Amino acid sequence: MSQREIRAALEAAADYLTKHPAESRYTDSAATARLADSDGLKVHVSGTDGAQTTTDMPTAVGGTNSAPSPGWFLRAAEASCVATLIAMRAAHEGVAFKGLEVTVDSDSDDFGILGLRENVPAGPLRTRVRVKVSEMPVDDRDDLVWETIVHWAVEHCPVTDAVRRAVPLTVDIVTDEEP
């Protein structure tokens, strides 16, 4: 889609939701993970829409390093979501560009994931988002405009939002013995 088509789609979606606010909330599609082999750490993940991926862990913690780790997919989700929201916001604002690259990295401490120190979180300690925008027309090279677009995108990205704020979590355990 062109920026003009993206802007039109965003305006149509906003108009529709403004007129039908009850339709703004929904249950997201589920992801189901199945351990590939009870003797390993490789996991196959599938979704109701046919989406699928595989994860594995590094050999240092018992995996075979045959696929990216779940943590890498978290960073990939953050990077792709931020890139998408930047493109959406730039289209909304009519700011042109040709190239966009978003890199997300993080710092972690393995004492947390291995449960060796209770005061060390299992997840990332810090995350960094690096955005590179290229091939902008002279009129759209305003750093303040891009700073505003990028910060808006990070603030409205569902993935970075879920990482930043405490999202209520419930856990249900089902065994084969239950009906």
Protein backbone atom coordinates (compact mmCIF):
# COMPACT_ATOMS: atom_id res chain seq x y z
CA MET A 1 0.00 0.00 0.00
CA SER A 2 1.14 3.53 -0.66
CA GLN A 3 1.33 6.12 2.12
CA ARG A 4 -1.87 7.65 0.74
CA GLU A 5 -3.65 4.27 0.92
CA ILE A 6 -2.33 3.65 4.44
CA ARG A 7 -3.54 7.10 5.56
CA ALA A 8 -6.98 6.40 4.04
CA ALA A 9 -7.17 3.01 5.78
CA LEU A 10 -6.20 4.56 9.12
CA GLU A 11 -8.80 7.31 8.72
CA ALA A 12 -11.47 4.73 7.82
CA ALA A 13 -10.57 2.58 10.84
CA ALA A 14 -10.63 5.59 13.18
CA ASP A 15 -13.97 6.73 11.75
CA TYR A 16 -15.47 3.24 12.10
CA LEU A 17 -14.30 2.82 15.71
CA THR A 18 -15.53 6.30 16.62
CA LYS A 19 -18.98 5.29 15.37
CA HIS A 20 -18.81 1.73 16.85
CA PRO A 21 -16.75 2.00 20.08
CA ALA A 22 -17.99 -1.35 21.40
CA GLU A 23 -16.05 -3.07 18.61
CA SER A 24 -12.69 -1.70 19.71
CA ARG A 25 -12.10 -4.45 22.29
CA TYR A 26 -11.52 -8.08 21.38
CA THR A 27 -9.60 -11.21 22.30
CA ASP A 28 -6.35 -11.50 20.35
CA SER A 29 -5.65 -14.69 18.42
CA ALA A 30 -3.97 -17.33 20.57
CA ALA A 31 -0.49 -18.76 20.13
CA THR A 32 -0.10 -22.40 21.15
CA ALA A 33 3.37 -23.76 21.94
CA ARG A 34 4.14 -27.47 21.87
CA LEU A 35 7.43 -28.94 23.04
CA ALA A 36 8.84 -30.77 20.01
CA ASP A 37 10.47 -33.51 22.08
CA SER A 38 10.36 -34.07 25.83
CA ASP A 39 14.15 -34.53 25.72
CA GLY A 40 14.83 -31.06 24.31
CA LEU A 41 13.95 -27.38 24.43
CA LYS A 42 12.76 -26.89 20.85
CA VAL A 43 9.20 -25.56 20.74
CA HIS A 44 6.82 -25.30 17.79
CA VAL A 45 4.33 -22.43 18.01
CA SER A 46 1.17 -22.17 15.93
CA GLY A 47 -1.73 -19.78 15.65
CA THR A 48 -5.35 -20.13 14.62
CA ASP A 49 -4.65 -18.27 11.37
CA GLY A 50 -1.94 -20.66 10.19
CA ALA A 51 0.94 -18.61 11.62
CA GLN A 52 3.81 -20.73 12.90
CA THR A 53 7.34 -20.48 14.17
CA THR A 54 9.88 -22.51 16.12
CA THR A 55 12.07 -21.55 19.07
CA ASP A 56 15.02 -23.21 20.74
CA MET A 57 17.48 -22.26 23.42
CA PRO A 58 21.28 -21.91 23.26
CA THR A 59 23.36 -25.01 23.95
CA ALA A 60 24.68 -23.40 27.15
CA VAL A 61 21.28 -23.96 28.80
CA GLY A 62 20.40 -27.30 27.20
CA GLY A 63 18.99 -26.33 23.80
CA THR A 64 20.39 -27.16 20.39
CA ASN A 65 20.48 -23.56 19.14
CA SER A 66 18.55 -24.69 16.04
CA ALA A 67 16.17 -21.72 16.07
CA PRO A 68 15.99 -18.27 17.65
CA SER A 69 15.19 -18.09 21.35
CA PRO A 70 11.82 -16.82 22.60
CA GLY A 71 13.62 -13.69 23.84
CA TRP A 72 14.84 -12.96 20.31
CA PHE A 73 11.26 -13.22 19.07
CA LEU A 74 10.26 -10.68 21.73
CA ARG A 75 12.88 -8.26 20.38
CA ALA A 76 11.79 -9.07 16.83
CA ALA A 77 8.19 -8.35 17.78
CA GLU A 78 9.20 -5.02 19.33
CA ALA A 79 11.31 -4.04 16.29
CA SER A 80 8.68 -4.98 13.71
CA CYS A 81 5.85 -3.38 15.68
CA VAL A 82 7.74 -0.09 16.14
CA ALA A 83 8.68 -0.07 12.43
CA THR A 84 5.04 -0.65 11.50
CA LEU A 85 3.81 2.12 13.79
CA ILE A 86 6.44 4.55 12.47
CA ALA A 87 5.30 3.83 8.91
CA MET A 88 1.66 4.24 9.93
CA ARG A 89 2.29 7.53 11.74
CA ALA A 90 4.43 8.93 8.93
CA ALA A 91 1.65 8.08 6.47
CA HIS A 92 -0.92 9.68 8.79
CA GLU A 93 1.19 12.84 9.01
CA GLY A 94 2.09 12.85 5.30
CA VAL A 95 5.83 12.59 6.00
CA ALA A 96 7.68 10.83 3.17
CA PHE A 97 10.66 8.47 3.42
CA LYS A 98 12.03 5.50 1.48
CA GLY A 99 13.97 3.44 4.01
CA LEU A 100 13.28 2.48 7.62
CA GLU A 101 15.28 0.19 9.90
CA VAL A 102 14.45 -0.51 13.54
CA THR A 103 16.86 -2.50 15.72
CA VAL A 104 15.95 -3.63 19.22
CA ASP A 105 18.47 -5.10 21.62
CA SER A 106 18.43 -5.72 25.34
CA ASP A 107 20.62 -6.54 28.32
CA SER A 108 19.82 -9.60 30.39
CA ASP A 109 21.29 -11.45 33.36
CA ASP A 110 21.19 -15.26 33.22
CA PHE A 111 21.06 -15.45 37.02
CA GLY A 112 17.38 -14.48 36.62
CA ILE A 113 16.26 -17.06 34.04
CA LEU A 114 18.13 -19.82 35.89
CA GLY A 115 16.66 -18.79 39.25
CA LEU A 116 20.09 -18.41 40.83
CA ARG A 117 19.38 -15.01 42.36
CA GLU A 118 15.84 -14.14 43.38
CA ASN A 119 16.53 -10.39 43.13
CA VAL A 120 17.50 -10.64 39.43
CA PRO A 121 14.59 -10.47 36.95
CA ALA A 122 14.21 -13.36 34.50
CA GLY A 123 13.55 -10.97 31.61
CA PRO A 124 15.51 -8.14 30.07
CA LEU A 125 17.00 -5.53 32.39
CA ARG A 126 16.99 -2.85 29.70
CA THR A 127 15.80 -2.56 26.11
CA ARG A 128 17.07 -0.16 23.45
CA VAL A 129 15.27 0.82 20.22
CA ARG A 130 17.43 2.27 17.42
CA VAL A 131 15.65 3.82 14.44
CA LYS A 132 17.30 4.66 11.12
CA VAL A 133 15.24 6.58 8.56
CA SER A 134 16.72 7.12 5.12
CA GLU A 135 16.05 8.66 1.75
CA MET A 136 13.81 11.43 3.01
CA PRO A 137 12.84 14.32 0.75
CA VAL A 138 14.52 17.56 1.82
CA ASP A 139 11.22 18.91 3.20
CA ASP A 140 10.78 15.89 5.52
CA ARG A 141 14.26 15.87 7.11
CA ASP A 142 13.12 17.79 10.17
CA ASP A 143 14.60 16.01 13.20
CA LEU A 144 11.78 17.23 15.48
CA VAL A 145 9.16 15.78 13.12
CA TRP A 146 10.91 12.40 13.11
CA GLU A 147 11.50 12.48 16.87
CA THR A 148 7.77 13.10 17.35
CA ILE A 149 6.82 10.29 14.93
CA VAL A 150 9.24 7.79 16.49
CA HIS A 151 8.21 8.54 20.08
CA TRP A 152 4.53 8.38 19.10
CA ALA A 153 5.17 4.99 17.48
CA VAL A 154 6.99 3.57 20.52
CA GLU A 155 4.24 4.83 22.85
CA HIS A 156 1.44 3.34 20.72
CA CYS A 157 3.11 0.05 19.75
CA PRO A 158 1.16 -2.77 21.47
CA VAL A 159 4.32 -4.84 21.96
CA THR A 160 6.43 -2.13 23.63
CA ASP A 161 3.37 -1.16 25.68
CA ALA A 162 2.97 -4.74 26.91
CA VAL A 163 6.65 -4.86 27.86
CA ARG A 164 6.59 -1.51 29.68
CA ARG A 165 3.48 -1.87 31.79
CA ALA A 166 2.28 -4.55 34.14
CA VAL A 167 -0.27 -6.59 32.19
CA PRO A 168 -2.49 -8.84 34.31
CA LEU A 169 -1.57 -12.49 33.79
CA THR A 170 -3.61 -15.56 34.65
CA VAL A 171 -2.34 -19.13 34.49
CA ASP A 172 -4.61 -22.16 33.99
CA ILE A 173 -3.18 -25.66 34.37
CA VAL A 174 -4.98 -28.55 32.68
CA THR A 175 -3.97 -32.20 33.02
CA ASP A 176 -4.98 -35.23 30.93
CA GLU A 177 -7.02 -36.52 33.85
CA GLU A 178 -9.45 -33.61 33.74
CA PRO A 179 -12.60 -33.95 31.60
